[in-house]
Amino acid sequence: MRLRALATAAACGFAVLLAAPGAASAADGDFIYTYNDPSGAPHIGGLIDPPSGVCITLPEVAPEWTTPAHSPRNYTGSTATVFAGADCEGPYFSLRPNGGHASERLKVRSVVFS
């Protein structure tokens, strides 16, 4: 009887472990970029603790008719790979964690964090 109860308890414990959600992975820190509004005025945009492994199209510059963002600064703990196109398409460039940056010559529309 005790063996059956022990086996049942162990099976239930194992089931609970399998059912528990995994820890969400995030790139802790900030990712900052500059974009221009339709009148050409510069603004600072950013992502705070963005998720890792997910392509993020920068909302201010998602439409192709807008000017891409530029001057990205990666203050997260993960490598940021920035892309010239939306949906992580087109030419890309990697920014190192904790301070990697690029000049205004680098045009950006999307990013993914490792």
N, C-alpha and C. Protein backbone atom coordinates (compact mmCIF):
# COMPACT_ATOMS: atom_id res chain seq x y z
N MET A 1 0.82 -1.19 0.00
CA MET A 1 0.00 0.00 0.00
C MET A 1 0.87 1.26 0.00
N ARG A 2 1.90 1.28 0.83
CA ARG A 2 2.77 2.45 0.88
C ARG A 2 3.52 2.65 -0.43
N LEU A 3 3.91 1.57 -1.06
CA LEU A 3 4.62 1.68 -2.33
C LEU A 3 3.73 2.31 -3.40
N ARG A 4 2.47 1.92 -3.42
CA ARG A 4 1.53 2.47 -4.40
C ARG A 4 1.32 3.97 -4.14
N ALA A 5 1.19 4.37 -2.89
CA ALA A 5 1.02 5.79 -2.55
C ALA A 5 2.27 6.59 -2.93
N LEU A 6 3.43 6.01 -2.68
CA LEU A 6 4.68 6.68 -3.03
C LEU A 6 4.80 6.85 -4.54
N ALA A 7 4.44 5.80 -5.29
CA ALA A 7 4.50 5.86 -6.75
C ALA A 7 3.52 6.89 -7.28
N THR A 8 2.32 6.96 -6.70
CA THR A 8 1.32 7.94 -7.13
C THR A 8 1.81 9.36 -6.84
N ALA A 9 2.37 9.58 -5.67
CA ALA A 9 2.89 10.91 -5.31
C ALA A 9 4.03 11.32 -6.24
N ALA A 10 4.91 10.40 -6.55
CA ALA A 10 6.02 10.70 -7.46
C ALA A 10 5.50 11.04 -8.85
N ALA A 11 4.51 10.29 -9.33
CA ALA A 11 3.94 10.56 -10.65
C ALA A 11 3.26 11.92 -10.68
N CYS A 12 2.54 12.26 -9.62
CA CYS A 12 1.89 13.57 -9.56
C CYS A 12 2.92 14.71 -9.53
N GLY A 13 3.98 14.53 -8.77
CA GLY A 13 5.03 15.53 -8.71
C GLY A 13 5.69 15.74 -10.06
N PHE A 14 5.94 14.64 -10.77
CA PHE A 14 6.53 14.73 -12.10
C PHE A 14 5.59 15.44 -13.06
N ALA A 15 4.29 15.17 -12.97
CA ALA A 15 3.30 15.82 -13.83
C ALA A 15 3.26 17.33 -13.58
N VAL A 16 3.38 17.72 -12.31
CA VAL A 16 3.40 19.15 -11.98
C VAL A 16 4.63 19.82 -12.59
N LEU A 17 5.77 19.18 -12.53
CA LEU A 17 6.98 19.74 -13.13
C LEU A 17 6.83 19.92 -14.63
N LEU A 18 6.22 18.96 -15.29
CA LEU A 18 6.03 19.07 -16.74
C LEU A 18 5.03 20.13 -17.10
N ALA A 19 4.04 20.37 -16.27
CA ALA A 19 2.99 21.33 -16.56
C ALA A 19 3.40 22.77 -16.25
N ALA A 20 4.40 22.96 -15.42
CA ALA A 20 4.83 24.31 -15.04
C ALA A 20 5.46 25.00 -16.23
N PRO A 21 5.10 26.26 -16.47
CA PRO A 21 5.70 26.98 -17.59
C PRO A 21 7.17 27.27 -17.34
N GLY A 22 7.95 27.30 -18.41
CA GLY A 22 9.37 27.61 -18.29
C GLY A 22 9.57 29.09 -18.04
N ALA A 23 10.71 29.45 -17.58
CA ALA A 23 11.01 30.85 -17.34
C ALA A 23 11.14 31.59 -18.67
N ALA A 24 10.53 32.75 -18.75
CA ALA A 24 10.60 33.55 -19.96
C ALA A 24 12.00 34.13 -20.08
N SER A 25 12.53 34.11 -21.27
CA SER A 25 13.86 34.62 -21.50
C SER A 25 13.76 36.04 -22.04
N ALA A 26 14.48 36.95 -21.44
CA ALA A 26 14.45 38.34 -21.89
C ALA A 26 15.87 38.88 -21.91
N ALA A 27 16.06 39.86 -22.77
CA ALA A 27 17.32 40.58 -22.82
C ALA A 27 17.20 41.73 -21.82
N ASP A 28 17.73 41.55 -20.63
CA ASP A 28 17.58 42.56 -19.58
C ASP A 28 18.33 43.83 -19.96
N GLY A 29 17.62 44.94 -19.88
CA GLY A 29 18.21 46.23 -20.19
C GLY A 29 17.42 46.97 -21.26
N ASP A 30 18.02 48.02 -21.78
CA ASP A 30 17.35 48.87 -22.76
C ASP A 30 18.03 48.81 -24.12
N PHE A 31 17.22 48.93 -25.17
CA PHE A 31 17.70 49.06 -26.54
C PHE A 31 17.12 50.39 -27.02
N ILE A 32 17.98 51.29 -27.43
CA ILE A 32 17.56 52.65 -27.79
C ILE A 32 17.93 52.94 -29.24
N TYR A 33 17.08 53.70 -29.91
CA TYR A 33 17.32 54.08 -31.31
C TYR A 33 16.72 55.46 -31.57
N THR A 34 17.12 56.08 -32.64
CA THR A 34 16.59 57.38 -33.04
C THR A 34 15.77 57.20 -34.31
N TYR A 35 14.63 57.86 -34.37
CA TYR A 35 13.80 57.84 -35.58
C TYR A 35 13.28 59.26 -35.82
N ASN A 36 12.87 59.53 -37.03
CA ASN A 36 12.35 60.84 -37.38
C ASN A 36 10.85 60.75 -37.63
N ASP A 37 10.10 61.74 -37.14
CA ASP A 37 8.67 61.78 -37.41
C ASP A 37 8.44 62.27 -38.83
N PRO A 38 7.20 62.28 -39.31
CA PRO A 38 6.94 62.70 -40.71
C PRO A 38 7.46 64.09 -41.06
N SER A 39 7.59 64.97 -40.07
CA SER A 39 8.11 66.31 -40.36
C SER A 39 9.64 66.34 -40.37
N GLY A 40 10.27 65.23 -39.99
CA GLY A 40 11.73 65.15 -39.98
C GLY A 40 12.36 65.39 -38.63
N ALA A 41 11.54 65.66 -37.61
CA ALA A 41 12.08 65.91 -36.27
C ALA A 41 12.54 64.60 -35.64
N PRO A 42 13.73 64.58 -35.04
CA PRO A 42 14.23 63.35 -34.43
C PRO A 42 13.57 63.06 -33.08
N HIS A 43 13.39 61.77 -32.80
CA HIS A 43 12.82 61.30 -31.54
C HIS A 43 13.62 60.07 -31.10
N ILE A 44 13.62 59.81 -29.80
CA ILE A 44 14.27 58.63 -29.24
C ILE A 44 13.21 57.57 -28.99
N GLY A 45 13.45 56.37 -29.48
CA GLY A 45 12.58 55.24 -29.21
C GLY A 45 13.35 54.19 -28.44
N GLY A 46 12.65 53.24 -27.86
CA GLY A 46 13.37 52.22 -27.13
C GLY A 46 12.54 51.02 -26.78
N LEU A 47 13.23 49.96 -26.43
CA LEU A 47 12.63 48.72 -25.96
C LEU A 47 13.23 48.44 -24.58
N ILE A 48 12.38 48.12 -23.61
CA ILE A 48 12.83 47.83 -22.26
C ILE A 48 12.67 46.34 -22.00
N ASP A 49 13.74 45.68 -21.62
CA ASP A 49 13.75 44.23 -21.36
C ASP A 49 13.04 43.45 -22.47
N PRO A 50 13.50 43.60 -23.72
CA PRO A 50 12.82 42.92 -24.83
C PRO A 50 12.99 41.40 -24.74
N PRO A 51 12.04 40.65 -25.32
CA PRO A 51 12.15 39.19 -25.29
C PRO A 51 13.31 38.72 -26.17
N SER A 52 13.91 37.61 -25.81
CA SER A 52 15.01 37.03 -26.60
C SER A 52 14.45 36.07 -27.64
N GLY A 53 15.11 36.01 -28.78
CA GLY A 53 14.75 35.04 -29.80
C GLY A 53 13.50 35.38 -30.57
N VAL A 54 12.99 36.60 -30.43
CA VAL A 54 11.78 37.02 -31.12
C VAL A 54 12.11 38.23 -31.97
N CYS A 55 11.72 38.20 -33.24
CA CYS A 55 11.94 39.36 -34.10
C CYS A 55 10.99 40.47 -33.69
N ILE A 56 11.53 41.66 -33.48
CA ILE A 56 10.72 42.82 -33.10
C ILE A 56 10.88 43.88 -34.19
N THR A 57 9.79 44.19 -34.86
CA THR A 57 9.81 45.29 -35.82
C THR A 57 9.55 46.57 -35.03
N LEU A 58 10.41 47.55 -35.18
CA LEU A 58 10.29 48.80 -34.44
C LEU A 58 9.02 49.52 -34.90
N PRO A 59 8.08 49.77 -33.99
CA PRO A 59 6.76 50.25 -34.40
C PRO A 59 6.76 51.60 -35.12
N GLU A 60 7.66 52.48 -34.76
CA GLU A 60 7.68 53.82 -35.37
C GLU A 60 8.14 53.80 -36.82
N VAL A 61 8.85 52.75 -37.21
CA VAL A 61 9.42 52.72 -38.57
C VAL A 61 9.00 51.47 -39.33
N ALA A 62 7.94 50.81 -38.91
CA ALA A 62 7.50 49.57 -39.56
C ALA A 62 7.09 49.78 -41.02
N PRO A 63 6.29 50.81 -41.35
CA PRO A 63 5.88 50.98 -42.75
C PRO A 63 7.08 51.36 -43.64
N GLU A 64 7.12 50.78 -44.80
CA GLU A 64 8.23 51.05 -45.74
C GLU A 64 8.29 52.51 -46.18
N TRP A 65 7.18 53.24 -46.10
CA TRP A 65 7.18 54.63 -46.55
C TRP A 65 7.81 55.57 -45.51
N THR A 66 8.09 55.06 -44.30
CA THR A 66 8.75 55.88 -43.29
C THR A 66 10.27 55.76 -43.41
N THR A 67 10.95 56.74 -42.87
CA THR A 67 12.41 56.69 -42.83
C THR A 67 12.82 55.70 -41.75
N PRO A 68 13.80 54.82 -42.03
CA PRO A 68 14.23 53.86 -41.00
C PRO A 68 14.83 54.56 -39.78
N ALA A 69 14.86 53.85 -38.68
CA ALA A 69 15.53 54.34 -37.48
C ALA A 69 17.04 54.25 -37.71
N HIS A 70 17.80 54.88 -36.82
CA HIS A 70 19.26 54.86 -36.94
C HIS A 70 19.88 55.03 -35.55
N SER A 71 21.17 55.00 -35.47
CA SER A 71 21.95 55.19 -34.24
C SER A 71 21.51 54.26 -33.10
N PRO A 72 21.44 52.95 -33.35
CA PRO A 72 21.01 52.04 -32.28
C PRO A 72 22.06 51.93 -31.17
N ARG A 73 21.57 51.76 -29.94
CA ARG A 73 22.42 51.57 -28.76
C ARG A 73 21.89 50.36 -28.00
N ASN A 74 22.73 49.37 -27.78
CA ASN A 74 22.31 48.15 -27.11
C ASN A 74 22.83 48.11 -25.68
N TYR A 75 21.97 48.43 -24.73
CA TYR A 75 22.33 48.38 -23.32
C TYR A 75 21.72 47.15 -22.63
N THR A 76 21.42 46.12 -23.42
CA THR A 76 20.91 44.88 -22.85
C THR A 76 22.09 43.94 -22.58
N GLY A 77 21.82 42.84 -21.92
CA GLY A 77 22.85 41.85 -21.66
C GLY A 77 22.99 40.83 -22.77
N SER A 78 22.29 41.04 -23.88
CA SER A 78 22.31 40.10 -25.02
C SER A 78 22.81 40.78 -26.28
N THR A 79 23.30 39.99 -27.22
CA THR A 79 23.67 40.53 -28.52
C THR A 79 22.40 40.93 -29.26
N ALA A 80 22.39 42.11 -29.85
CA ALA A 80 21.25 42.58 -30.65
C ALA A 80 21.65 42.54 -32.11
N THR A 81 20.88 41.83 -32.91
CA THR A 81 21.10 41.81 -34.35
C THR A 81 20.03 42.68 -34.98
N VAL A 82 20.45 43.78 -35.59
CA VAL A 82 19.51 44.73 -36.20
C VAL A 82 19.44 44.47 -37.69
N PHE A 83 18.26 44.72 -38.25
CA PHE A 83 18.01 44.46 -39.67
C PHE A 83 17.53 45.72 -40.36
N ALA A 84 17.89 45.87 -41.64
CA ALA A 84 17.48 47.03 -42.42
C ALA A 84 16.00 46.97 -42.76
N GLY A 85 15.43 45.77 -42.83
CA GLY A 85 14.02 45.61 -43.18
C GLY A 85 13.17 45.20 -42.00
N ALA A 86 11.86 45.36 -42.17
CA ALA A 86 10.92 44.88 -41.15
C ALA A 86 10.95 43.36 -41.12
N ASP A 87 10.46 42.77 -40.05
CA ASP A 87 10.37 41.31 -39.90
C ASP A 87 11.73 40.62 -40.00
N CYS A 88 12.77 41.32 -39.57
CA CYS A 88 14.15 40.78 -39.55
C CYS A 88 14.59 40.28 -40.93
N GLU A 89 14.35 41.09 -41.92
CA GLU A 89 14.76 40.77 -43.28
C GLU A 89 15.77 41.80 -43.78
N GLY A 90 16.54 41.40 -44.75
CA GLY A 90 17.51 42.29 -45.37
C GLY A 90 18.85 42.26 -44.68
N PRO A 91 19.71 43.19 -45.04
CA PRO A 91 21.05 43.25 -44.43
C PRO A 91 20.94 43.42 -42.92
N TYR A 92 21.92 42.87 -42.21
CA TYR A 92 21.89 42.93 -40.75
C TYR A 92 23.27 43.26 -40.19
N PHE A 93 23.26 43.65 -38.92
CA PHE A 93 24.49 44.00 -38.22
C PHE A 93 24.29 43.63 -36.75
N SER A 94 25.31 43.09 -36.11
CA SER A 94 25.22 42.70 -34.70
C SER A 94 25.85 43.74 -33.80
N LEU A 95 25.17 44.04 -32.70
CA LEU A 95 25.66 44.96 -31.69
C LEU A 95 25.95 44.17 -30.41
N ARG A 96 27.15 44.32 -29.89
CA ARG A 96 27.55 43.57 -28.70
C ARG A 96 26.67 43.98 -27.51
N PRO A 97 26.59 43.12 -26.50
CA PRO A 97 25.84 43.46 -25.29
C PRO A 97 26.50 44.58 -24.51
N ASN A 98 25.72 45.21 -23.65
CA ASN A 98 26.22 46.20 -22.67
C ASN A 98 26.96 47.37 -23.29
N GLY A 99 26.35 48.00 -24.27
CA GLY A 99 26.93 49.23 -24.81
C GLY A 99 27.27 49.23 -26.28
N GLY A 100 26.99 48.14 -26.99
CA GLY A 100 27.26 48.14 -28.43
C GLY A 100 26.42 49.20 -29.13
N HIS A 101 27.01 49.88 -30.07
CA HIS A 101 26.29 50.95 -30.76
C HIS A 101 26.78 51.12 -32.19
N ALA A 102 26.03 51.90 -32.94
CA ALA A 102 26.39 52.21 -34.32
C ALA A 102 26.00 53.65 -34.61
N SER A 103 26.52 54.17 -35.70
CA SER A 103 26.27 55.57 -36.06
C SER A 103 24.92 55.71 -36.76
N GLU A 104 24.61 56.94 -37.14
CA GLU A 104 23.35 57.20 -37.84
C GLU A 104 23.37 56.64 -39.26
N ARG A 105 24.52 56.19 -39.73
CA ARG A 105 24.57 55.57 -41.07
C ARG A 105 23.90 54.21 -41.10
N LEU A 106 23.79 53.54 -39.94
CA LEU A 106 23.16 52.22 -39.88
C LEU A 106 21.65 52.40 -39.79
N LYS A 107 20.94 51.98 -40.81
CA LYS A 107 19.48 52.10 -40.88
C LYS A 107 18.84 50.82 -40.34
N VAL A 108 17.83 50.97 -39.48
CA VAL A 108 17.27 49.85 -38.74
C VAL A 108 15.74 49.90 -38.79
N ARG A 109 15.12 48.72 -39.01
CA ARG A 109 13.66 48.60 -38.91
C ARG A 109 13.24 47.48 -37.97
N SER A 110 14.14 46.53 -37.68
CA SER A 110 13.78 45.43 -36.78
C SER A 110 15.03 44.91 -36.07
N VAL A 111 14.78 44.14 -35.00
CA VAL A 111 15.88 43.65 -34.17
C VAL A 111 15.48 42.33 -33.54
N VAL A 112 16.47 41.47 -33.29
CA VAL A 112 16.28 40.23 -32.54
C VAL A 112 17.44 40.13 -31.54
N PHE A 113 17.12 39.68 -30.32
CA PHE A 113 18.11 39.55 -29.26
C PHE A 113 18.43 38.08 -29.04
N SER A 114 19.71 37.77 -28.84
CA SER A 114 20.11 36.37 -28.63
C SER A 114 19.98 35.98 -27.17
